[in-house]
Amino acid sequence: MSSQTPLINGTRHSWASIEIEILGRTVQGVTAISYSETQNKENIYGAGKYPVARGRGNYEATASVTLLGFEVDAIQRAVGAQKHLSDIETFDIVVAYLPDGQDALVTHTLRNCEFKDNKREMSQGDSSVSVALELIVSHIDWI
């Protein structure tokens, strides 16, 4: 039996508890972040109809981040007006959050990130400019 009482109608992780660090600074104008990893696995067949082993192929991490336009502009200014976002050298992105009522900080680190694109999409009636940016990532440290 667990000695902990379950949290009823309480909060664990929420967007309000997340801090995201990009290029060494905590970013306030982030509206979304997505990251995942996959490990290619396949069954290996020999005699009979069932697999006799399992093989592993390539690992792949993917990520994207959506920033408010002023954050993208600040990054662009910080690296120099002549550079494109895709020219920025590799950097890590740290996503950290402290679940309410907990004292163990959860940290995920997206390693060796680079921006793959830089685009703007705006429509009539928008109250802010959001910029969705795709990233290339080498791997993710989940702790």
N, C-alpha and C. Protein backbone atom coordinates (compact mmCIF):
# COMPACT_ATOMS: atom_id res chain seq x y z
N MET A 1 0.83 -1.19 0.00
CA MET A 1 0.00 0.00 0.00
C MET A 1 0.88 1.25 0.00
N SER A 2 0.46 2.21 -0.76
CA SER A 2 1.17 3.47 -0.82
C SER A 2 0.81 4.32 0.39
N SER A 3 1.80 5.00 0.92
CA SER A 3 1.54 5.87 2.07
C SER A 3 1.05 7.25 1.65
N GLN A 4 1.00 7.48 0.34
CA GLN A 4 0.57 8.79 -0.14
C GLN A 4 -0.92 8.77 -0.43
N THR A 5 -1.59 9.84 -0.06
CA THR A 5 -3.01 9.99 -0.35
C THR A 5 -3.14 10.55 -1.75
N PRO A 6 -4.01 9.98 -2.59
CA PRO A 6 -4.17 10.52 -3.94
C PRO A 6 -4.70 11.95 -3.90
N LEU A 7 -4.27 12.73 -4.85
CA LEU A 7 -4.70 14.12 -4.94
C LEU A 7 -6.05 14.15 -5.64
N ILE A 8 -7.07 14.51 -4.95
CA ILE A 8 -8.42 14.56 -5.50
C ILE A 8 -8.71 15.98 -5.98
N ASN A 9 -9.18 16.10 -7.23
CA ASN A 9 -9.49 17.41 -7.82
C ASN A 9 -8.30 18.37 -7.74
N GLY A 10 -7.10 17.83 -7.82
CA GLY A 10 -5.91 18.67 -7.74
C GLY A 10 -5.25 18.82 -9.09
N THR A 11 -4.14 19.49 -9.10
CA THR A 11 -3.42 19.76 -10.33
C THR A 11 -2.08 19.07 -10.28
N ARG A 12 -1.68 18.49 -11.37
CA ARG A 12 -0.33 17.95 -11.49
C ARG A 12 0.44 18.85 -12.45
N HIS A 13 0.62 18.41 -13.67
CA HIS A 13 1.33 19.24 -14.66
C HIS A 13 0.34 20.13 -15.37
N SER A 14 0.74 21.36 -15.59
CA SER A 14 -0.09 22.25 -16.40
C SER A 14 0.84 23.19 -17.17
N TRP A 15 0.29 23.79 -18.20
CA TRP A 15 1.09 24.70 -19.01
C TRP A 15 1.70 25.81 -18.15
N ALA A 16 0.97 26.24 -17.13
CA ALA A 16 1.44 27.34 -16.27
C ALA A 16 2.69 26.96 -15.48
N SER A 17 2.98 25.67 -15.33
CA SER A 17 4.14 25.26 -14.54
C SER A 17 5.38 25.01 -15.41
N ILE A 18 5.28 25.19 -16.71
CA ILE A 18 6.38 24.88 -17.62
C ILE A 18 7.27 26.10 -17.84
N GLU A 19 8.59 25.87 -17.81
CA GLU A 19 9.57 26.87 -18.22
C GLU A 19 10.38 26.27 -19.35
N ILE A 20 10.59 27.05 -20.40
CA ILE A 20 11.33 26.57 -21.56
C ILE A 20 12.51 27.50 -21.80
N GLU A 21 13.68 26.89 -21.92
CA GLU A 21 14.91 27.66 -22.15
C GLU A 21 15.42 27.36 -23.55
N ILE A 22 15.58 28.41 -24.34
CA ILE A 22 16.10 28.29 -25.70
C ILE A 22 17.28 29.24 -25.84
N LEU A 23 18.39 28.74 -26.33
CA LEU A 23 19.60 29.54 -26.52
C LEU A 23 20.01 30.24 -25.23
N GLY A 24 19.88 29.53 -24.10
CA GLY A 24 20.38 30.03 -22.84
C GLY A 24 19.47 30.99 -22.10
N ARG A 25 18.27 31.25 -22.59
CA ARG A 25 17.38 32.15 -21.85
C ARG A 25 15.97 31.57 -21.77
N THR A 26 15.32 31.85 -20.65
CA THR A 26 13.95 31.41 -20.47
C THR A 26 13.06 32.22 -21.39
N VAL A 27 12.26 31.52 -22.19
CA VAL A 27 11.43 32.16 -23.20
C VAL A 27 10.02 32.34 -22.64
N GLN A 28 9.56 33.58 -22.65
CA GLN A 28 8.21 33.89 -22.16
C GLN A 28 7.16 33.74 -23.26
N GLY A 29 7.55 34.00 -24.50
CA GLY A 29 6.59 34.02 -25.60
C GLY A 29 6.50 32.70 -26.34
N VAL A 30 6.44 31.60 -25.61
CA VAL A 30 6.26 30.30 -26.24
C VAL A 30 4.81 29.88 -26.01
N THR A 31 4.15 29.45 -27.07
CA THR A 31 2.74 29.06 -26.95
C THR A 31 2.55 27.56 -27.12
N ALA A 32 3.54 26.85 -27.65
CA ALA A 32 3.43 25.40 -27.80
C ALA A 32 4.81 24.81 -28.02
N ILE A 33 4.96 23.59 -27.56
CA ILE A 33 6.17 22.82 -27.86
C ILE A 33 5.75 21.37 -27.99
N SER A 34 6.36 20.69 -28.92
CA SER A 34 6.04 19.29 -29.16
C SER A 34 7.35 18.55 -29.42
N TYR A 35 7.52 17.41 -28.79
CA TYR A 35 8.71 16.62 -29.04
C TYR A 35 8.40 15.15 -28.79
N SER A 36 9.07 14.30 -29.56
CA SER A 36 8.85 12.86 -29.43
C SER A 36 10.06 12.12 -29.96
N GLU A 37 10.09 10.83 -29.65
CA GLU A 37 11.15 9.99 -30.16
C GLU A 37 10.56 8.65 -30.59
N THR A 38 11.19 8.05 -31.57
CA THR A 38 10.78 6.73 -32.01
C THR A 38 12.02 5.87 -32.18
N GLN A 39 11.85 4.61 -31.93
CA GLN A 39 12.91 3.62 -32.14
C GLN A 39 12.37 2.61 -33.14
N ASN A 40 12.99 2.52 -34.30
CA ASN A 40 12.54 1.57 -35.31
C ASN A 40 12.82 0.16 -34.80
N LYS A 41 11.76 -0.66 -34.73
CA LYS A 41 11.89 -2.05 -34.31
C LYS A 41 11.11 -2.91 -35.29
N GLU A 42 11.63 -4.10 -35.53
CA GLU A 42 10.90 -5.02 -36.39
C GLU A 42 11.20 -6.45 -35.97
N ASN A 43 10.22 -7.28 -36.21
CA ASN A 43 10.39 -8.70 -35.93
C ASN A 43 11.28 -9.33 -37.01
N ILE A 44 12.08 -10.28 -36.59
CA ILE A 44 12.94 -11.04 -37.51
C ILE A 44 12.42 -12.47 -37.53
N TYR A 45 12.18 -12.97 -38.73
CA TYR A 45 11.58 -14.29 -38.89
C TYR A 45 12.61 -15.31 -39.34
N GLY A 46 12.42 -16.50 -38.85
CA GLY A 46 13.23 -17.65 -39.27
C GLY A 46 12.26 -18.77 -39.58
N ALA A 47 12.55 -19.94 -39.07
CA ALA A 47 11.67 -21.09 -39.29
C ALA A 47 10.35 -20.88 -38.53
N GLY A 48 9.27 -21.25 -39.13
CA GLY A 48 7.97 -21.14 -38.49
C GLY A 48 7.31 -19.80 -38.77
N LYS A 49 6.13 -19.63 -38.19
CA LYS A 49 5.38 -18.41 -38.47
C LYS A 49 5.58 -17.29 -37.46
N TYR A 50 6.28 -17.58 -36.37
CA TYR A 50 6.49 -16.57 -35.34
C TYR A 50 7.90 -15.99 -35.42
N PRO A 51 8.06 -14.76 -34.96
CA PRO A 51 9.40 -14.16 -34.97
C PRO A 51 10.36 -14.94 -34.07
N VAL A 52 11.59 -14.98 -34.49
CA VAL A 52 12.62 -15.65 -33.69
C VAL A 52 13.51 -14.63 -32.98
N ALA A 53 13.38 -13.38 -33.36
CA ALA A 53 14.19 -12.32 -32.74
C ALA A 53 13.56 -10.97 -33.08
N ARG A 54 14.11 -9.95 -32.57
CA ARG A 54 13.65 -8.60 -32.87
C ARG A 54 14.87 -7.74 -33.16
N GLY A 55 14.79 -6.99 -34.24
CA GLY A 55 15.89 -6.10 -34.62
C GLY A 55 15.54 -4.65 -34.32
N ARG A 56 16.56 -3.88 -34.08
CA ARG A 56 16.39 -2.44 -33.83
C ARG A 56 17.12 -1.67 -34.91
N GLY A 57 16.43 -0.66 -35.41
CA GLY A 57 17.03 0.20 -36.43
C GLY A 57 17.36 1.57 -35.85
N ASN A 58 17.15 2.58 -36.65
CA ASN A 58 17.50 3.94 -36.27
C ASN A 58 16.57 4.51 -35.21
N TYR A 59 17.14 5.36 -34.40
CA TYR A 59 16.41 6.18 -33.43
C TYR A 59 16.14 7.52 -34.10
N GLU A 60 14.98 8.10 -33.86
CA GLU A 60 14.70 9.43 -34.41
C GLU A 60 13.94 10.27 -33.39
N ALA A 61 14.42 11.48 -33.20
CA ALA A 61 13.73 12.45 -32.35
C ALA A 61 13.20 13.56 -33.25
N THR A 62 12.00 14.04 -32.95
CA THR A 62 11.43 15.16 -33.69
C THR A 62 10.92 16.19 -32.70
N ALA A 63 10.86 17.45 -33.15
CA ALA A 63 10.39 18.51 -32.26
C ALA A 63 9.95 19.71 -33.08
N SER A 64 9.06 20.49 -32.47
CA SER A 64 8.67 21.78 -33.02
C SER A 64 8.32 22.69 -31.86
N VAL A 65 8.41 23.97 -32.11
CA VAL A 65 8.09 24.96 -31.09
C VAL A 65 7.32 26.09 -31.76
N THR A 66 6.34 26.62 -31.06
CA THR A 66 5.60 27.79 -31.55
C THR A 66 5.90 28.96 -30.63
N LEU A 67 6.44 30.01 -31.21
CA LEU A 67 6.83 31.20 -30.47
C LEU A 67 6.01 32.39 -30.95
N LEU A 68 5.82 33.33 -30.07
CA LEU A 68 5.23 34.60 -30.50
C LEU A 68 6.26 35.33 -31.35
N GLY A 69 5.79 36.10 -32.28
CA GLY A 69 6.66 36.77 -33.23
C GLY A 69 7.79 37.57 -32.60
N PHE A 70 7.52 38.24 -31.47
CA PHE A 70 8.58 39.05 -30.85
C PHE A 70 9.73 38.20 -30.35
N GLU A 71 9.46 36.95 -29.97
CA GLU A 71 10.54 36.06 -29.53
C GLU A 71 11.41 35.64 -30.71
N VAL A 72 10.79 35.34 -31.84
CA VAL A 72 11.55 34.98 -33.03
C VAL A 72 12.39 36.17 -33.48
N ASP A 73 11.81 37.37 -33.44
CA ASP A 73 12.56 38.57 -33.81
C ASP A 73 13.75 38.78 -32.87
N ALA A 74 13.57 38.51 -31.57
CA ALA A 74 14.65 38.67 -30.59
C ALA A 74 15.77 37.67 -30.86
N ILE A 75 15.41 36.44 -31.20
CA ILE A 75 16.42 35.44 -31.54
C ILE A 75 17.17 35.88 -32.79
N GLN A 76 16.44 36.36 -33.77
CA GLN A 76 17.06 36.82 -35.02
C GLN A 76 18.04 37.95 -34.75
N ARG A 77 17.64 38.92 -33.92
CA ARG A 77 18.54 40.04 -33.58
C ARG A 77 19.76 39.56 -32.81
N ALA A 78 19.57 38.60 -31.90
CA ALA A 78 20.67 38.12 -31.06
C ALA A 78 21.76 37.43 -31.87
N VAL A 79 21.39 36.80 -32.99
CA VAL A 79 22.38 36.09 -33.79
C VAL A 79 22.89 36.92 -34.95
N GLY A 80 22.37 38.10 -35.11
CA GLY A 80 22.85 38.99 -36.16
C GLY A 80 21.87 39.08 -37.31
N ALA A 81 21.72 40.28 -37.83
CA ALA A 81 20.74 40.53 -38.88
C ALA A 81 21.05 39.78 -40.17
N GLN A 82 22.33 39.41 -40.38
CA GLN A 82 22.69 38.74 -41.63
C GLN A 82 22.37 37.25 -41.61
N LYS A 83 22.16 36.69 -40.43
CA LYS A 83 21.96 35.24 -40.32
C LYS A 83 20.50 34.85 -40.46
N HIS A 84 20.28 33.68 -40.97
CA HIS A 84 18.96 33.07 -40.99
C HIS A 84 18.83 32.20 -39.75
N LEU A 85 17.61 31.95 -39.30
CA LEU A 85 17.44 31.06 -38.15
C LEU A 85 18.09 29.70 -38.41
N SER A 86 18.01 29.23 -39.62
CA SER A 86 18.59 27.92 -39.94
C SER A 86 20.11 27.93 -39.91
N ASP A 87 20.74 29.11 -39.82
CA ASP A 87 22.20 29.21 -39.72
C ASP A 87 22.71 29.15 -38.29
N ILE A 88 21.82 29.23 -37.31
CA ILE A 88 22.24 29.21 -35.91
C ILE A 88 22.82 27.84 -35.59
N GLU A 89 23.96 27.85 -34.92
CA GLU A 89 24.61 26.59 -34.56
C GLU A 89 23.76 25.83 -33.54
N THR A 90 24.05 24.56 -33.37
CA THR A 90 23.24 23.70 -32.51
C THR A 90 23.12 24.26 -31.09
N PHE A 91 21.97 24.00 -30.50
CA PHE A 91 21.68 24.45 -29.14
C PHE A 91 20.74 23.44 -28.50
N ASP A 92 20.69 23.46 -27.18
CA ASP A 92 19.76 22.60 -26.46
C ASP A 92 18.53 23.40 -26.07
N ILE A 93 17.40 22.73 -25.97
CA ILE A 93 16.18 23.32 -25.42
C ILE A 93 15.85 22.54 -24.16
N VAL A 94 15.67 23.26 -23.07
CA VAL A 94 15.34 22.63 -21.78
C VAL A 94 13.90 22.95 -21.45
N VAL A 95 13.12 21.90 -21.21
CA VAL A 95 11.73 22.03 -20.79
C VAL A 95 11.67 21.51 -19.35
N ALA A 96 11.29 22.38 -18.43
CA ALA A 96 11.25 21.99 -17.02
C ALA A 96 9.92 22.39 -16.41
N TYR A 97 9.43 21.55 -15.51
CA TYR A 97 8.21 21.89 -14.80
C TYR A 97 8.23 21.23 -13.43
N LEU A 98 7.59 21.89 -12.50
CA LEU A 98 7.46 21.40 -11.14
C LEU A 98 5.98 21.14 -10.90
N PRO A 99 5.60 19.88 -10.89
CA PRO A 99 4.18 19.58 -10.66
C PRO A 99 3.72 20.19 -9.33
N ASP A 100 2.52 20.74 -9.33
CA ASP A 100 1.98 21.32 -8.10
C ASP A 100 2.03 20.31 -6.97
N GLY A 101 2.48 20.78 -5.82
CA GLY A 101 2.54 19.93 -4.64
C GLY A 101 3.70 18.96 -4.63
N GLN A 102 4.58 19.07 -5.59
CA GLN A 102 5.73 18.17 -5.67
C GLN A 102 7.02 18.95 -5.50
N ASP A 103 8.07 18.26 -5.08
CA ASP A 103 9.36 18.94 -4.95
C ASP A 103 10.40 18.38 -5.93
N ALA A 104 9.99 17.50 -6.82
CA ALA A 104 10.90 16.92 -7.80
C ALA A 104 10.68 17.59 -9.16
N LEU A 105 11.64 18.40 -9.57
CA LEU A 105 11.58 19.07 -10.85
C LEU A 105 11.72 18.05 -11.97
N VAL A 106 10.86 18.12 -12.96
CA VAL A 106 10.94 17.26 -14.14
C VAL A 106 11.61 18.07 -15.24
N THR A 107 12.65 17.50 -15.84
CA THR A 107 13.40 18.21 -16.88
C THR A 107 13.58 17.31 -18.09
N HIS A 108 13.23 17.83 -19.26
CA HIS A 108 13.49 17.16 -20.54
C HIS A 108 14.42 18.07 -21.33
N THR A 109 15.45 17.50 -21.93
CA THR A 109 16.39 18.29 -22.71
C THR A 109 16.42 17.79 -24.14
N LEU A 110 16.07 18.67 -25.06
CA LEU A 110 16.15 18.37 -26.48
C LEU A 110 17.56 18.73 -26.92
N ARG A 111 18.33 17.76 -27.34
CA ARG A 111 19.75 17.95 -27.60
C ARG A 111 20.05 18.28 -29.07
N ASN A 112 21.02 19.17 -29.22
CA ASN A 112 21.57 19.51 -30.53
C ASN A 112 20.50 19.95 -31.52
N CYS A 113 19.70 20.92 -31.09
CA CYS A 113 18.61 21.43 -31.92
C CYS A 113 19.12 22.43 -32.95
N GLU A 114 18.42 22.47 -34.06
CA GLU A 114 18.60 23.51 -35.06
C GLU A 114 17.24 23.82 -35.65
N PHE A 115 17.03 25.09 -35.98
CA PHE A 115 15.80 25.48 -36.66
C PHE A 115 15.89 25.02 -38.11
N LYS A 116 14.80 24.48 -38.62
CA LYS A 116 14.76 24.04 -40.01
C LYS A 116 14.09 25.05 -40.92
N ASP A 117 13.30 25.95 -40.35
CA ASP A 117 12.56 26.89 -41.19
C ASP A 117 12.35 28.21 -40.44
N ASN A 118 11.80 29.15 -41.14
CA ASN A 118 11.45 30.46 -40.58
C ASN A 118 10.32 30.99 -41.46
N LYS A 119 9.16 31.08 -40.89
CA LYS A 119 8.01 31.51 -41.68
C LYS A 119 7.07 32.32 -40.81
N ARG A 120 6.21 33.05 -41.47
CA ARG A 120 5.16 33.81 -40.77
C ARG A 120 3.85 33.55 -41.47
N GLU A 121 2.82 33.34 -40.69
CA GLU A 121 1.47 33.21 -41.21
C GLU A 121 0.57 34.09 -40.37
N MET A 122 -0.07 35.06 -41.00
CA MET A 122 -0.95 35.97 -40.29
C MET A 122 -2.26 36.08 -41.03
N SER A 123 -3.33 36.26 -40.27
CA SER A 123 -4.66 36.37 -40.88
C SER A 123 -5.40 37.54 -40.25
N GLN A 124 -6.36 38.04 -41.00
CA GLN A 124 -7.20 39.11 -40.50
C GLN A 124 -7.85 38.64 -39.21
N GLY A 125 -7.86 39.49 -38.22
CA GLY A 125 -8.48 39.18 -36.94
C GLY A 125 -7.53 38.58 -35.92
N ASP A 126 -6.31 38.23 -36.33
CA ASP A 126 -5.35 37.70 -35.37
C ASP A 126 -5.02 38.75 -34.33
N SER A 127 -4.97 38.35 -33.07
CA SER A 127 -4.60 39.29 -32.01
C SER A 127 -3.12 39.19 -31.66
N SER A 128 -2.43 38.19 -32.21
CA SER A 128 -0.99 38.05 -32.01
C SER A 128 -0.42 37.31 -33.21
N VAL A 129 0.89 37.34 -33.32
CA VAL A 129 1.58 36.63 -34.40
C VAL A 129 2.29 35.44 -33.78
N SER A 130 1.88 34.24 -34.14
CA SER A 130 2.54 33.02 -33.68
C SER A 130 3.35 32.44 -34.83
N VAL A 131 4.52 31.93 -34.50
CA VAL A 131 5.42 31.37 -35.50
C VAL A 131 5.73 29.93 -35.13
N ALA A 132 5.25 28.99 -35.94
CA ALA A 132 5.52 27.57 -35.72
C ALA A 132 6.82 27.21 -36.42
N LEU A 133 7.78 26.70 -35.66
CA LEU A 133 9.10 26.38 -36.19
C LEU A 133 9.41 24.91 -36.00
N GLU A 134 9.80 24.27 -37.10
CA GLU A 134 10.21 22.87 -37.02
C GLU A 134 11.67 22.81 -36.64
N LEU A 135 12.03 21.82 -35.82
CA LEU A 135 13.40 21.65 -35.36
C LEU A 135 13.95 20.31 -35.82
N ILE A 136 15.26 20.25 -35.97
CA ILE A 136 15.93 18.98 -36.10
C ILE A 136 16.65 18.76 -34.77
N VAL A 137 16.53 17.54 -34.24
CA VAL A 137 17.03 17.23 -32.89
C VAL A 137 17.82 15.93 -32.97
N SER A 138 18.94 15.84 -32.25
CA SER A 138 19.69 14.58 -32.27
C SER A 138 19.06 13.55 -31.35
N HIS A 139 18.69 13.96 -30.12
CA HIS A 139 18.07 13.04 -29.18
C HIS A 139 17.45 13.82 -28.03
N ILE A 140 16.70 13.12 -27.21
CA ILE A 140 16.02 13.74 -26.07
C ILE A 140 16.45 13.04 -24.80
N ASP A 141 16.87 13.83 -23.82
CA ASP A 141 17.12 13.32 -22.48
C ASP A 141 15.85 13.57 -21.68
N TRP A 142 15.22 12.51 -21.21
CA TRP A 142 13.92 12.62 -20.55
C TRP A 142 14.04 12.91 -19.06
N ILE A 143 15.22 12.93 -18.51
CA ILE A 143 15.40 13.23 -17.08
C ILE A 143 16.58 14.15 -16.92
